[in-house]
């Protein structure tokens, strides 16, 4: 009989990020701005 692999969780408990990591990534992504001048991308972090 074939196994049904879709019922198992794909993310194990050890791979879940902490609240601190999530908070850091969300705040970083909110502060990051990318400005394109001609053919150059400039990343600006406004903190």
C-alpha atoms as a PDB file:
ATOM      1  CA  UNK A   1       0.000   0.000   0.000  1.00  0.00           C
ATOM      2  CA  UNK A   2       1.334   3.453  -0.895  1.00  0.00           C
ATOM      3  CA  UNK A   3       2.241   5.859   1.883  1.00  0.00           C
ATOM      4  CA  UNK A   4       0.560   9.252   2.026  1.00  0.00           C
ATOM      5  CA  UNK A   5       3.381  11.732   2.556  1.00  0.00           C
ATOM      6  CA  UNK A   6       1.273  14.889   2.458  1.00  0.00           C
ATOM      7  CA  UNK A   7      -0.191  14.280   5.917  1.00  0.00           C
ATOM      8  CA  UNK A   8       3.135  14.830   7.680  1.00  0.00           C
ATOM      9  CA  UNK A   9       4.286  18.310   8.585  1.00  0.00           C
ATOM     10  CA  UNK A  10       6.985  19.525   6.226  1.00  0.00           C
ATOM     11  CA  UNK A  11       8.575  21.791   8.863  1.00  0.00           C
ATOM     12  CA  UNK A  12       9.997  20.060  11.869  1.00  0.00           C
ATOM     13  CA  UNK A  13       9.937  21.661  15.299  1.00  0.00           C
ATOM     14  CA  UNK A  14      13.680  22.344  15.186  1.00  0.00           C
ATOM     15  CA  UNK A  15      13.396  24.400  11.988  1.00  0.00           C
ATOM     16  CA  UNK A  16      10.906  26.946  13.328  1.00  0.00           C
ATOM     17  CA  UNK A  17      12.497  30.381  13.898  1.00  0.00           C
ATOM     18  CA  UNK A  18      12.235  32.131  17.236  1.00  0.00           C
ATOM     19  CA  UNK A  19      10.074  35.204  17.820  1.00  0.00           C
ATOM     20  CA  UNK A  20      13.236  37.317  18.015  1.00  0.00           C
ATOM     21  CA  UNK A  21      14.372  36.156  14.575  1.00  0.00           C
ATOM     22  CA  UNK A  22      10.976  36.858  13.024  1.00  0.00           C
ATOM     23  CA  UNK A  23      10.838  40.294  14.607  1.00  0.00           C
ATOM     24  CA  UNK A  24      14.328  41.130  13.338  1.00  0.00           C
ATOM     25  CA  UNK A  25      13.546  40.044   9.768  1.00  0.00           C
ATOM     26  CA  UNK A  26      10.238  41.903   9.651  1.00  0.00           C
ATOM     27  CA  UNK A  27      11.779  45.116  11.000  1.00  0.00           C
ATOM     28  CA  UNK A  28      14.696  44.826   8.576  1.00  0.00           C
ATOM     29  CA  UNK A  29      12.400  44.352   5.599  1.00  0.00           C
ATOM     30  CA  UNK A  30      10.291  47.350   6.647  1.00  0.00           C
ATOM     31  CA  UNK A  31      13.367  49.575   6.907  1.00  0.00           C
ATOM     32  CA  UNK A  32      14.958  48.441   3.620  1.00  0.00           C
ATOM     33  CA  UNK A  33      14.500  50.594   0.543  1.00  0.00           C
ATOM     34  CA  UNK A  34      15.986  49.894  -2.857  1.00  0.00           C
ATOM     35  CA  UNK A  35      16.553  52.838  -5.170  1.00  0.00           C
ATOM     36  CA  UNK A  36      17.456  52.293  -8.820  1.00  0.00           C
ATOM     37  CA  UNK A  37      19.592  54.983 -10.407  1.00  0.00           C
ATOM     38  CA  UNK A  38      20.331  54.273 -14.046  1.00  0.00           C
ATOM     39  CA  UNK A  39      21.516  50.618 -13.954  1.00  0.00           C
ATOM     40  CA  UNK A  40      22.632  50.590 -10.313  1.00  0.00           C
ATOM     41  CA  UNK A  41      20.523  49.396  -7.382  1.00  0.00           C
ATOM     42  CA  UNK A  42      21.250  51.153  -4.084  1.00  0.00           C
ATOM     43  CA  UNK A  43      20.030  49.574  -0.843  1.00  0.00           C
ATOM     44  CA  UNK A  44      19.168  52.012   1.948  1.00  0.00           C
ATOM     45  CA  UNK A  45      18.350  50.946   5.494  1.00  0.00           C
ATOM     46  CA  UNK A  46      16.448  53.749   7.208  1.00  0.00           C
ATOM     47  CA  UNK A  47      16.907  53.055  10.906  1.00  0.00           C
END
